[in-house]
């Protein structure tokens, strides 16, 4: 990538930092589906994961590098701590991609040096050139991050950055790791780096930030004004704690306010050239795909992609919009791909028509998953007169969720009413093909279903979230259910949809249980918390 990209580079970390959201763990098929849609969206860089964390993460990054990172596609990036083992694993994982990047980092704030790394500044100054140089020997494109840069001593930060660039880093990332800064402070930090690092013109300045104070997007826009040319963000703003800077909000802010931002990129104010390479009409479908596969519901009042983002309840607003949309709308909903398409698919529609529409919505299913999705579509067409895109998304969203399910739901039957004790009969099929049935009584039909499933699965857990919402309007609308279970401090999510919300709840619970069983006993590293021993057994980070 050029040192001066002439625009704002969008670095998407949904599959890495976004996946660190509690309960948002994705399997390989889900990651691949999202990566393919991110490529359609037009992001410049996909941070596909943290290869050293686990075999699963390595395989996912490697598969994405092989299938998504084409010559004209995005750069495929992997995260690595400043450790030879991390960097080597990262290089191997991204190897199939024509355009590949290693993103390595080490903390630079005194609080991290003292309490996490237990290293001095001098030791960090020795590690940085060695590890960046090692990464550069494996790939041409290296990014270096100063973790917790926002709370680092600026003079030390300048020194570290200068060494990283001199050692081969073509991108320097400045993270607000804990979401601490305000826009003016973050702008000053970026401006200070631009002014005080002698070789900064040899690298692209990037920013990464969390939304703990709700300021991540504002901080990033201020950073752009002060020289940042890469923004690290996630779809729907998902991520650890309060999440990351939201991709859709950043892209649309730069789109809507292009005349304001153009001069900061050395352009004429009226220049019509887009500030990013993102295809905005793909934003809504990308948001929905990520929401469906992670089970993380987008809040209705979320900017750009929330259900209420283009809704008008006030009579005054409605009157103004009817006369001229510009009175109360600064974004045309069609710009972000929002439409209420009703597709002409029904009982007589063929598999190829369904597949074509699913591909337009961002789903690329294998033959087996397509057959199952088509069967569910036919079943829905028997029960529902009008099928919308949202219905299609709902019935297919779990197709890639459990590719090797330990349990399959065979039967759900409940009895309940004002004079009855809610009772559920559940039949599950295990991996050996054996059917087992359990009956349980609960405080309601869903509680009874969950109790019966727990008895059959034999996996102790705590139900911490149960949410249901309507996919579309009408008495025949499908209900989407999201369930989160906690087991040994870790969250597992399940998602399903059906015209019968009790059936949807049962399937969502089974999906969550399958995740729990699949991951139970496996260990994965957290790239910013865990310690990696070096050859001499001393922790590097």
Protein backbone atom coordinates (compact mmCIF):
# COMPACT_ATOMS: atom_id res chain seq x y z
CA UNK A 1 0.00 0.00 0.00
CA UNK A 2 1.28 3.47 -0.88
CA UNK A 3 2.75 5.60 1.90
CA UNK A 4 0.26 8.32 0.99
CA UNK A 5 -2.95 6.48 0.07
CA UNK A 6 -4.65 9.72 -0.96
CA UNK A 7 -7.78 8.62 0.93
CA UNK A 8 -8.78 7.01 4.19
CA UNK A 9 -7.93 3.31 4.42
CA UNK A 10 -10.57 1.16 6.15
CA UNK A 11 -9.05 -1.60 8.25
CA UNK A 12 -11.75 -3.97 9.46
CA UNK A 13 -11.10 -5.91 12.66
CA UNK A 14 -14.57 -7.45 13.11
CA UNK A 15 -13.10 -10.94 12.86
CA UNK A 16 -10.39 -10.25 15.41
CA UNK A 17 -11.25 -7.55 17.93
CA UNK A 18 -14.96 -7.77 17.20
CA UNK A 19 -14.92 -11.48 17.95
CA UNK A 20 -13.58 -10.68 21.42
CA UNK A 21 -17.05 -9.42 22.34
CA UNK A 22 -18.38 -11.71 25.10
CA UNK A 23 -20.39 -14.49 23.47
CA UNK A 24 -19.54 -13.48 19.91
CA UNK A 25 -17.16 -16.34 19.10
CA UNK A 26 -17.32 -17.34 15.42
CA UNK A 27 -16.43 -20.62 13.76
CA UNK A 28 -14.50 -20.97 10.52
CA UNK A 29 -17.53 -21.00 8.20
CA UNK A 30 -18.99 -17.93 9.90
CA UNK A 31 -15.69 -16.06 9.67
CA UNK A 32 -15.37 -16.95 6.00
CA UNK A 33 -18.92 -15.75 5.26
CA UNK A 34 -18.24 -12.42 6.97
CA UNK A 35 -14.85 -12.04 5.26
CA UNK A 36 -16.42 -12.60 1.84
CA UNK A 37 -19.01 -9.93 2.59
CA UNK A 38 -16.32 -7.54 3.86
CA UNK A 39 -14.60 -7.98 0.50
CA UNK A 40 -17.85 -7.08 -1.26
CA UNK A 41 -18.15 -4.09 1.05
CA UNK A 42 -14.78 -2.91 -0.18
CA UNK A 43 -12.71 -2.67 2.97
CA UNK A 44 -8.98 -2.28 2.33
CA UNK A 45 -7.69 -4.60 5.06
CA UNK A 46 -9.32 -7.52 6.87
CA UNK A 47 -7.72 -8.43 10.18
CA UNK A 48 -8.85 -12.04 10.05
CA UNK A 49 -7.74 -13.16 13.48
CA UNK A 50 -4.93 -13.94 15.87
CA UNK A 51 -3.27 -17.06 14.38
CA UNK A 52 -1.17 -18.01 17.41
CA UNK A 53 -4.22 -18.02 19.70
CA UNK A 54 -5.53 -21.43 18.66
CA UNK A 55 -5.56 -23.95 15.84
CA UNK A 56 -9.07 -22.77 14.97
CA UNK A 57 -7.98 -19.16 14.63
CA UNK A 58 -4.96 -20.17 12.55
CA UNK A 59 -7.16 -22.26 10.22
CA UNK A 60 -9.68 -19.43 9.82
CA UNK A 61 -7.03 -16.84 8.95
CA UNK A 62 -5.38 -19.27 6.55
CA UNK A 63 -8.67 -20.12 4.82
CA UNK A 64 -9.62 -16.46 4.47
CA UNK A 65 -6.17 -15.68 3.06
CA UNK A 66 -6.66 -18.46 0.52
CA UNK A 67 -10.25 -17.74 -0.56
CA UNK A 68 -10.82 -14.02 0.05
CA UNK A 69 -7.45 -12.35 -0.39
CA UNK A 70 -7.31 -12.19 -4.19
CA UNK A 71 -5.18 -9.88 -6.31
CA UNK A 72 -7.97 -7.30 -6.42
CA UNK A 73 -9.32 -8.12 -2.97
CA UNK A 74 -8.45 -6.78 0.45
CA UNK A 75 -5.16 -7.22 2.25
CA UNK A 76 -5.43 -10.12 4.70
CA UNK A 77 -3.88 -9.37 8.06
CA UNK A 78 -3.15 -11.39 11.18
CA UNK A 79 -2.35 -10.12 14.67
CA UNK A 80 0.82 -11.11 16.48
CA UNK A 81 2.42 -10.03 19.71
CA UNK A 82 6.06 -9.01 19.65
CA UNK A 83 7.15 -12.62 19.87
CA UNK A 84 8.90 -14.79 17.29
CA UNK A 85 6.41 -17.64 17.71
CA UNK A 86 3.45 -15.30 17.25
CA UNK A 87 4.97 -13.62 14.21
CA UNK A 88 5.99 -16.89 12.58
CA UNK A 89 2.49 -18.37 13.03
CA UNK A 90 0.97 -15.19 11.62
CA UNK A 91 3.20 -15.29 8.53
CA UNK A 92 2.28 -18.92 7.86
CA UNK A 93 -1.44 -18.22 8.28
CA UNK A 94 -1.60 -15.28 5.86
CA UNK A 95 0.83 -16.86 3.36
CA UNK A 96 -1.78 -17.80 0.69
CA UNK A 97 -2.95 -14.20 0.24
CA UNK A 98 -1.39 -12.19 -2.60
CA UNK A 99 -1.66 -9.14 -0.34
CA UNK A 100 -0.77 -10.06 3.22
CA UNK A 101 0.16 -8.20 6.39
CA UNK A 102 1.57 -8.98 9.82
CA UNK A 103 0.25 -6.70 12.55
CA UNK A 104 2.53 -6.89 15.57
CA UNK A 105 2.32 -4.88 18.77
CA UNK A 106 3.74 -4.21 22.20
CA UNK A 107 2.56 -1.95 25.00
CA UNK A 108 4.20 1.44 25.52
CA UNK A 109 2.36 3.00 28.47
CA UNK A 110 4.10 2.98 31.84
CA UNK A 111 1.14 1.29 33.51
CA UNK A 112 1.33 -1.61 31.02
CA UNK A 113 5.12 -1.78 31.20
CA UNK A 114 5.10 -2.03 34.99
CA UNK A 115 2.08 -4.21 35.65
CA UNK A 116 1.68 -6.35 32.51
CA UNK A 117 4.99 -6.63 30.69
CA UNK A 118 7.19 -6.08 33.73
CA UNK A 119 9.72 -4.55 31.41
CA UNK A 120 11.62 -1.30 31.27
CA UNK A 121 11.44 1.21 28.45
CA UNK A 122 14.95 0.22 27.44
CA UNK A 123 13.92 -3.40 27.03
CA UNK A 124 10.97 -2.42 24.84
CA UNK A 125 13.27 -0.30 22.68
CA UNK A 126 15.34 -3.43 22.03
CA UNK A 127 12.35 -5.68 21.32
CA UNK A 128 10.65 -3.38 18.79
CA UNK A 129 13.34 -3.28 16.06
CA UNK A 130 14.10 -6.97 16.49
CA UNK A 131 10.49 -8.14 16.17
CA UNK A 132 9.46 -5.66 13.45
CA UNK A 133 12.58 -6.61 11.52
CA UNK A 134 11.74 -10.29 11.89
CA UNK A 135 8.19 -9.69 10.63
CA UNK A 136 9.57 -7.69 7.70
CA UNK A 137 11.80 -10.62 6.77
CA UNK A 138 8.67 -12.76 6.34
CA UNK A 139 6.26 -10.36 4.59
CA UNK A 140 6.56 -7.03 2.80
CA UNK A 141 3.67 -5.36 4.63
CA UNK A 142 4.17 -4.89 8.38
CA UNK A 143 2.03 -2.88 10.76
CA UNK A 144 3.20 -1.99 14.25
CA UNK A 145 0.99 -0.92 17.16
CA UNK A 146 1.93 0.83 20.38
CA UNK A 147 -0.63 -0.71 22.72
CA UNK A 148 -2.20 1.83 25.10
CA UNK A 149 -0.59 4.63 23.10
CA UNK A 150 -3.18 7.12 24.35
CA UNK A 151 -1.78 6.80 27.89
CA UNK A 152 1.87 6.63 26.87
CA UNK A 153 4.54 9.27 27.41
CA UNK A 154 4.65 11.08 24.03
CA UNK A 155 8.44 11.36 23.97
CA UNK A 156 8.82 7.62 24.51
CA UNK A 157 6.10 6.97 21.95
CA UNK A 158 7.96 9.01 19.33
CA UNK A 159 11.13 7.02 19.97
CA UNK A 160 9.38 3.65 19.64
CA UNK A 161 7.59 4.68 16.44
CA UNK A 162 10.78 5.94 14.83
CA UNK A 163 12.50 2.62 15.55
CA UNK A 164 9.55 0.63 14.19
CA UNK A 165 9.50 2.56 10.92
CA UNK A 166 13.27 2.30 10.55
CA UNK A 167 12.93 -1.48 11.02
CA UNK A 168 10.37 -1.89 8.23
CA UNK A 169 6.89 -1.01 9.55
CA UNK A 170 4.86 0.60 6.75
CA UNK A 171 1.88 1.35 9.00
CA UNK A 172 1.99 2.71 12.52
CA UNK A 173 -1.12 2.20 14.60
CA UNK A 174 -1.99 4.39 17.57
CA UNK A 175 -4.55 2.63 19.76
CA UNK A 176 -6.75 4.15 22.42
CA UNK A 177 -6.85 0.71 23.99
CA UNK A 178 -9.04 1.62 26.95
CA UNK A 179 -11.23 4.27 25.31
CA UNK A 180 -9.83 7.01 27.52
CA UNK A 181 -9.17 10.01 25.31
CA UNK A 182 -11.37 12.84 24.10
CA UNK A 183 -11.37 14.06 20.47
CA UNK A 184 -9.16 17.11 21.05
CA UNK A 185 -6.63 15.06 23.02
CA UNK A 186 -6.53 12.32 20.40
CA UNK A 187 -6.13 14.86 17.60
CA UNK A 188 -3.23 16.46 19.45
CA UNK A 189 -1.61 13.04 19.96
CA UNK A 190 -1.75 12.28 16.21
CA UNK A 191 -0.53 15.77 15.31
CA UNK A 192 2.35 15.42 17.78
CA UNK A 193 3.46 12.15 16.18
CA UNK A 194 3.25 13.71 12.72
CA UNK A 195 5.42 16.62 13.85
CA UNK A 196 7.97 14.85 16.06
CA UNK A 197 8.75 11.50 14.40
CA UNK A 198 11.44 12.24 11.83
CA UNK A 199 10.60 9.37 9.44
CA UNK A 200 6.81 9.44 9.80
CA UNK A 201 6.44 10.26 6.09
CA UNK A 202 7.61 6.70 5.38
CA UNK A 203 4.53 5.15 7.02
CA UNK A 204 0.77 5.47 7.13
CA UNK A 205 -0.61 6.63 10.47
CA UNK A 206 -3.45 4.45 11.72
CA UNK A 207 -5.80 4.64 14.70
CA UNK A 208 -7.60 2.00 16.76
CA UNK A 209 -9.95 2.82 19.60
CA UNK A 210 -12.57 1.53 21.99
CA UNK A 211 -15.87 3.15 22.81
CA UNK A 212 -15.81 3.11 26.62
CA UNK A 213 -16.81 6.78 26.80
CA UNK A 214 -18.84 6.75 23.57
CA UNK A 215 -16.19 8.84 21.81
CA UNK A 216 -14.45 6.37 19.49
CA UNK A 217 -15.94 7.64 16.21
CA UNK A 218 -15.46 11.29 17.22
CA UNK A 219 -11.84 10.54 18.17
CA UNK A 220 -11.18 8.90 14.80
CA UNK A 221 -12.64 11.78 12.81
CA UNK A 222 -10.43 14.19 14.72
CA UNK A 223 -7.47 11.90 13.99
CA UNK A 224 -8.23 12.09 10.25
CA UNK A 225 -8.08 15.89 10.46
CA UNK A 226 -4.62 15.59 12.00
CA UNK A 227 -3.04 13.13 9.59
CA UNK A 228 -4.38 9.63 10.30
CA UNK A 229 -5.06 7.78 7.05
CA UNK A 230 -6.11 4.34 8.29
CA UNK A 231 -9.07 3.68 10.58
CA UNK A 232 -9.35 0.36 12.42
CA UNK A 233 -13.01 -0.36 13.06
CA UNK A 234 -15.67 -3.06 13.28
CA UNK A 235 -19.08 -3.67 11.74
CA UNK A 236 -21.83 -2.55 14.16
CA UNK A 237 -19.06 -1.32 16.46
CA UNK A 238 -18.78 -4.73 18.17
CA UNK A 239 -15.75 -5.53 20.27
CA UNK A 240 -14.47 -5.82 23.79
CA UNK A 241 -16.29 -4.01 26.59
CA UNK A 242 -18.22 -1.11 24.96
CA UNK A 243 -16.94 -2.08 21.52
CA UNK A 244 -14.81 -0.47 18.82
CA UNK A 245 -15.24 2.50 16.54
CA UNK A 246 -18.13 1.67 14.22
CA UNK A 247 -17.25 1.13 10.56
CA UNK A 248 -20.61 2.24 9.21
CA UNK A 249 -20.64 5.44 11.27
CA UNK A 250 -17.12 6.39 10.21
CA UNK A 251 -17.67 5.65 6.54
CA UNK A 252 -20.97 7.51 6.38
CA UNK A 253 -19.62 10.49 8.35
CA UNK A 254 -16.83 10.81 5.78
CA UNK A 255 -19.37 10.33 2.98
CA UNK A 256 -21.99 12.80 4.18
CA UNK A 257 -19.46 15.41 5.34
CA UNK A 258 -17.06 14.99 2.43
CA UNK A 259 -16.90 18.74 1.73
CA UNK A 260 -15.80 19.32 5.32
CA UNK A 261 -13.09 16.62 5.34
CA UNK A 262 -11.77 17.11 1.78
CA UNK A 263 -9.38 19.98 2.69
CA UNK A 264 -7.77 17.88 5.43
CA UNK A 265 -6.73 15.40 2.72
CA UNK A 266 -5.38 18.17 0.50
CA UNK A 267 -8.38 18.12 -1.83
CA UNK A 268 -10.57 20.84 -3.17
CA UNK A 269 -13.60 21.26 -0.91
CA UNK A 270 -16.01 20.37 -3.72
CA UNK A 271 -14.10 17.27 -4.87
CA UNK A 272 -16.61 14.45 -5.58
CA UNK A 273 -14.03 11.68 -5.10
CA UNK A 274 -15.06 9.36 -2.24
CA UNK A 275 -12.88 9.49 0.87
CA UNK A 276 -12.97 5.70 1.30
CA UNK A 277 -13.19 2.72 -1.06
CA UNK A 278 -16.21 1.27 0.78
CA UNK A 279 -19.30 0.49 -1.29
CA UNK A 280 -21.88 2.06 0.97
CA UNK A 281 -24.82 0.18 -0.55
CA UNK A 282 -23.37 -3.00 1.03
CA UNK A 283 -23.43 -1.58 4.57
CA UNK A 284 -26.89 -2.76 5.65
CA UNK A 285 -26.48 -6.35 4.46
CA UNK A 286 -23.02 -6.51 6.08
CA UNK A 287 -24.46 -5.26 9.35
CA UNK A 288 -27.25 -7.83 9.27
CA UNK A 289 -24.89 -10.68 8.43
CA UNK A 290 -22.58 -9.84 11.34
CA UNK A 291 -25.54 -9.43 13.69
CA UNK A 292 -27.08 -12.74 12.64
CA UNK A 293 -23.88 -14.76 12.88
CA UNK A 294 -22.64 -13.29 16.16
CA UNK A 295 -26.09 -13.20 17.75
CA UNK A 296 -25.39 -9.61 18.80
CA UNK A 297 -28.57 -7.67 18.11
CA UNK A 298 -28.17 -4.12 16.79
CA UNK A 299 -29.90 -1.61 19.04
CA UNK A 300 -32.87 0.05 17.31
CA UNK A 301 -31.46 3.58 17.69
CA UNK A 302 -28.02 2.65 16.37
CA UNK A 303 -26.80 5.19 13.83
CA UNK A 304 -26.91 4.14 10.15
CA UNK A 305 -27.94 0.48 10.66
CA UNK A 306 -30.44 0.55 13.55
CA UNK A 307 -34.08 -0.32 12.85
CA UNK A 308 -35.09 3.24 13.74
CA UNK A 309 -32.29 4.99 11.86
CA UNK A 310 -34.65 6.01 9.05
CA UNK A 311 -37.97 5.85 10.93
CA UNK A 312 -40.04 8.95 11.70
CA UNK A 313 -42.66 8.90 14.47
CA UNK A 314 -43.18 12.61 15.04
CA UNK A 315 -46.02 14.10 12.97
CA UNK A 316 -43.93 17.17 12.25
CA UNK A 317 -41.06 15.00 11.00
CA UNK A 318 -43.37 12.82 8.93
CA UNK A 319 -44.92 15.86 7.28
CA UNK A 320 -41.50 17.32 6.47
CA UNK A 321 -40.12 14.06 5.07
CA UNK A 322 -43.17 13.57 2.87
CA UNK A 323 -42.63 17.03 1.40
CA UNK A 324 -38.85 16.74 1.08
CA UNK A 325 -36.68 14.04 2.70
CA UNK A 326 -33.85 16.53 3.21
CA UNK A 327 -35.90 18.25 5.91
CA UNK A 328 -35.14 15.50 8.42
CA UNK A 329 -32.82 13.02 6.67
CA UNK A 330 -29.14 13.61 5.93
CA UNK A 331 -28.65 10.12 4.46
CA UNK A 332 -30.73 8.50 1.74
CA UNK A 333 -31.55 5.03 3.07
CA UNK A 334 -30.79 3.57 -0.36
CA UNK A 335 -27.20 4.83 -0.03
CA UNK A 336 -26.56 2.22 2.67
CA UNK A 337 -28.47 -0.50 0.82
CA UNK A 338 -31.62 -0.28 2.92
CA UNK A 339 -34.74 -1.38 1.11
CA UNK A 340 -37.92 -3.29 1.87
CA UNK A 341 -37.55 -5.75 -0.95
CA UNK A 342 -40.25 -8.35 -1.34
CA UNK A 343 -38.97 -11.16 -3.50
CA UNK A 344 -41.19 -13.17 -5.81
CA UNK A 345 -40.32 -16.54 -4.34
CA UNK A 346 -42.88 -19.09 -3.25
CA UNK A 347 -43.82 -22.75 -3.27
CA UNK A 348 -42.93 -23.15 -6.95
CA UNK A 349 -39.62 -21.29 -6.81
CA UNK A 350 -36.51 -23.27 -7.63
CA UNK A 351 -33.33 -23.82 -5.68
CA UNK A 352 -31.29 -21.68 -8.07
CA UNK A 353 -33.53 -18.65 -7.53
CA UNK A 354 -33.20 -18.96 -3.76
CA UNK A 355 -29.44 -19.42 -4.03
CA UNK A 356 -29.08 -16.36 -6.28
CA UNK A 357 -30.98 -14.16 -3.83
CA UNK A 358 -28.99 -15.46 -0.87
CA UNK A 359 -25.75 -14.67 -2.69
CA UNK A 360 -26.98 -11.12 -3.26
CA UNK A 361 -27.61 -10.90 0.50
CA UNK A 362 -24.03 -11.98 1.25
CA UNK A 363 -24.45 -15.73 1.86
CA UNK A 364 -22.37 -18.25 -0.07
CA UNK A 365 -23.65 -21.65 1.07
CA UNK A 366 -22.23 -25.04 0.22
CA UNK A 367 -24.50 -27.66 -1.35
CA UNK A 368 -25.54 -29.25 1.94
CA UNK A 369 -26.33 -25.95 3.65
CA UNK A 370 -28.19 -24.70 0.56
CA UNK A 371 -30.34 -27.85 0.53
CA UNK A 372 -31.25 -27.33 4.17
CA UNK A 373 -31.92 -23.62 3.65
CA UNK A 374 -34.11 -24.41 0.65
CA UNK A 375 -36.09 -26.95 2.67
CA UNK A 376 -36.67 -24.36 5.38
CA UNK A 377 -37.67 -21.82 2.75
CA UNK A 378 -40.27 -24.23 1.32
CA UNK A 379 -41.60 -24.91 4.80
CA UNK A 380 -41.88 -21.18 5.49
CA UNK A 381 -43.61 -20.58 2.15
CA UNK A 382 -46.34 -23.01 3.25
CA UNK A 383 -46.97 -20.97 6.39
CA UNK A 384 -46.26 -17.38 5.29
CA UNK A 385 -47.75 -15.58 2.32
CA UNK A 386 -45.12 -12.92 1.69
CA UNK A 387 -41.38 -13.72 1.94
CA UNK A 388 -39.00 -10.80 2.43
CA UNK A 389 -35.23 -10.54 2.38
CA UNK A 390 -35.29 -10.37 6.17
CA UNK A 391 -37.17 -13.67 6.27
CA UNK A 392 -34.53 -15.26 4.04
CA UNK A 393 -31.74 -13.91 6.21
CA UNK A 394 -33.45 -15.26 9.30
CA UNK A 395 -33.96 -18.80 8.02
CA UNK A 396 -30.39 -19.09 6.73
CA UNK A 397 -28.51 -17.27 9.49
CA UNK A 398 -27.80 -20.46 11.46
CA UNK A 399 -26.95 -22.60 8.42
CA UNK A 400 -23.24 -21.89 8.90
CA UNK A 401 -23.47 -21.62 12.66
CA UNK A 402 -23.07 -25.29 13.63
CA UNK A 403 -21.27 -27.19 10.84
CA UNK A 404 -20.44 -30.12 13.14
CA UNK A 405 -23.26 -30.04 15.68
CA UNK A 406 -23.02 -32.38 18.67
CA UNK A 407 -26.77 -32.19 19.19
CA UNK A 408 -29.58 -31.90 16.66
CA UNK A 409 -33.11 -30.95 17.62
CA UNK A 410 -35.62 -33.59 16.51
CA UNK A 411 -38.81 -32.76 18.44
CA UNK A 412 -40.21 -29.85 20.43
CA UNK A 413 -43.60 -30.24 22.04
CA UNK A 414 -45.04 -28.05 24.80
CA UNK A 415 -48.28 -27.80 26.72
CA UNK A 416 -49.18 -24.69 28.65
CA UNK A 417 -52.08 -22.47 29.58
CA UNK A 418 -53.73 -20.70 32.49
CA UNK A 419 -54.76 -23.97 34.13
CA UNK A 420 -51.75 -26.08 33.06
CA UNK A 421 -48.21 -26.44 34.34
CA UNK A 422 -45.90 -25.58 31.40
CA UNK A 423 -44.41 -28.87 30.24
CA UNK A 424 -41.93 -29.53 27.43
CA UNK A 425 -41.01 -32.76 25.67
CA UNK A 426 -37.71 -32.57 23.80
CA UNK A 427 -35.97 -35.11 21.61
CA UNK A 428 -32.30 -34.64 20.68
CA UNK A 429 -30.10 -36.65 18.34
CA UNK A 430 -26.45 -36.96 19.37
CA UNK A 431 -23.38 -37.41 17.17
CA UNK A 432 -23.81 -41.20 17.18
CA UNK A 433 -27.33 -40.88 15.79
CA UNK A 434 -29.02 -41.96 19.01
CA UNK A 435 -32.23 -40.23 20.02
CA UNK A 436 -32.92 -39.26 23.61
CA UNK A 437 -36.06 -37.68 25.00
CA UNK A 438 -36.63 -35.70 28.17
CA UNK A 439 -39.67 -34.11 29.77
CA UNK A 440 -39.45 -31.10 32.07
CA UNK A 441 -41.75 -28.67 33.83
CA UNK A 442 -40.93 -24.96 34.05
CA UNK A 443 -42.31 -21.56 34.93
CA UNK A 444 -43.23 -21.08 31.28
CA UNK A 445 -42.91 -22.97 27.98
CA UNK A 446 -39.43 -21.66 27.19
CA UNK A 447 -38.18 -22.36 30.72
CA UNK A 448 -39.52 -25.92 30.42
CA UNK A 449 -37.77 -26.34 27.05
CA UNK A 450 -34.44 -25.13 28.48
CA UNK A 451 -34.71 -27.45 31.50
CA UNK A 452 -35.36 -30.44 29.26
CA UNK A 453 -32.43 -29.53 27.00
CA UNK A 454 -30.09 -29.15 29.98
CA UNK A 455 -31.11 -32.61 31.19
CA UNK A 456 -30.37 -34.14 27.80
CA UNK A 457 -27.10 -32.28 27.13
CA UNK A 458 -25.64 -32.74 30.60
CA UNK A 459 -23.71 -29.47 30.33
CA UNK A 460 -24.03 -27.24 33.41
CA UNK A 461 -24.61 -23.63 32.43
CA UNK A 462 -26.37 -20.43 33.39
CA UNK A 463 -28.85 -18.75 31.05
CA UNK A 464 -27.96 -15.06 31.18
CA UNK A 465 -29.83 -13.68 28.18
CA UNK A 466 -33.00 -14.55 26.32
CA UNK A 467 -34.28 -12.11 23.72
CA UNK A 468 -36.92 -12.45 21.03
CA UNK A 469 -37.90 -10.03 18.31
CA UNK A 470 -40.06 -10.03 15.22
CA UNK A 471 -38.24 -10.29 11.90
CA UNK A 472 -41.00 -8.63 9.92
CA UNK A 473 -44.49 -7.31 10.61
CA UNK A 474 -47.75 -9.24 10.74
CA UNK A 475 -49.32 -12.12 12.60
CA UNK A 476 -47.32 -14.62 10.55
CA UNK A 477 -43.97 -12.92 11.23
CA UNK A 478 -40.96 -15.00 12.16
CA UNK A 479 -39.55 -14.61 15.64
CA UNK A 480 -35.78 -14.32 16.07
CA UNK A 481 -34.42 -15.65 19.35
CA UNK A 482 -30.97 -15.00 20.76
CA UNK A 483 -29.75 -16.92 23.79
CA UNK A 484 -26.52 -16.59 25.77
CA UNK A 485 -25.23 -19.20 28.18
CA UNK A 486 -22.42 -18.85 30.69
CA UNK A 487 -20.16 -21.77 31.52
CA UNK A 488 -17.00 -21.42 33.60
CA UNK A 489 -16.97 -17.67 33.06
CA UNK A 490 -17.25 -17.87 29.27
CA UNK A 491 -20.26 -16.89 27.17
CA UNK A 492 -21.77 -18.95 24.36
CA UNK A 493 -24.45 -17.55 22.06
CA UNK A 494 -27.12 -19.23 19.99
CA UNK A 495 -29.48 -17.74 17.42
CA UNK A 496 -32.48 -19.06 15.53
CA UNK A 497 -35.73 -17.97 13.88
CA UNK A 498 -39.09 -19.61 13.33
CA UNK A 499 -42.73 -18.65 13.08
CA UNK A 500 -43.09 -20.52 16.40
CA UNK A 501 -40.99 -18.65 18.96
CA UNK A 502 -40.84 -21.67 21.29
CA UNK A 503 -39.29 -23.76 18.52
CA UNK A 504 -36.91 -20.88 17.74
CA UNK A 505 -35.95 -20.71 21.42
CA UNK A 506 -35.25 -24.44 21.53
CA UNK A 507 -33.06 -24.32 18.42
CA UNK A 508 -31.20 -21.23 19.65
CA UNK A 509 -30.54 -23.02 22.96
CA UNK A 510 -29.25 -26.09 21.11
CA UNK A 511 -26.96 -23.89 19.00
CA UNK A 512 -25.53 -22.33 22.16
CA UNK A 513 -25.07 -25.76 23.75
CA UNK A 514 -23.25 -26.98 20.63
CA UNK A 515 -20.83 -24.06 20.93
CA UNK A 516 -20.30 -24.87 24.58
CA UNK A 517 -19.60 -28.54 23.91
CA UNK A 518 -17.30 -27.74 20.95
CA UNK A 519 -15.14 -25.35 22.98
CA UNK A 520 -15.30 -27.00 26.40
CA UNK A 521 -11.80 -27.86 27.49
CA UNK A 522 -10.06 -25.91 24.72
CA UNK A 523 -7.82 -22.99 25.52
CA UNK A 524 -7.30 -19.92 23.42
CA UNK A 525 -5.11 -16.93 24.06
CA UNK A 526 -6.22 -13.37 24.42
CA UNK A 527 -3.71 -11.27 22.46
CA UNK A 528 -3.64 -8.37 24.88
CA UNK A 529 -3.74 -10.22 28.19
CA UNK A 530 -1.89 -13.51 27.99
CA UNK A 531 1.82 -13.98 28.51
CA UNK A 532 3.92 -15.67 25.84
CA UNK A 533 7.14 -17.30 27.03
CA UNK A 534 10.23 -16.73 24.91
CA UNK A 535 13.04 -19.17 24.43
CA UNK A 536 14.46 -18.13 27.82
CA UNK A 537 10.99 -18.53 29.42
CA UNK A 538 10.67 -14.82 30.22
CA UNK A 539 7.32 -13.21 29.33
CA UNK A 540 7.44 -10.91 26.34
CA UNK A 541 4.00 -9.33 26.76
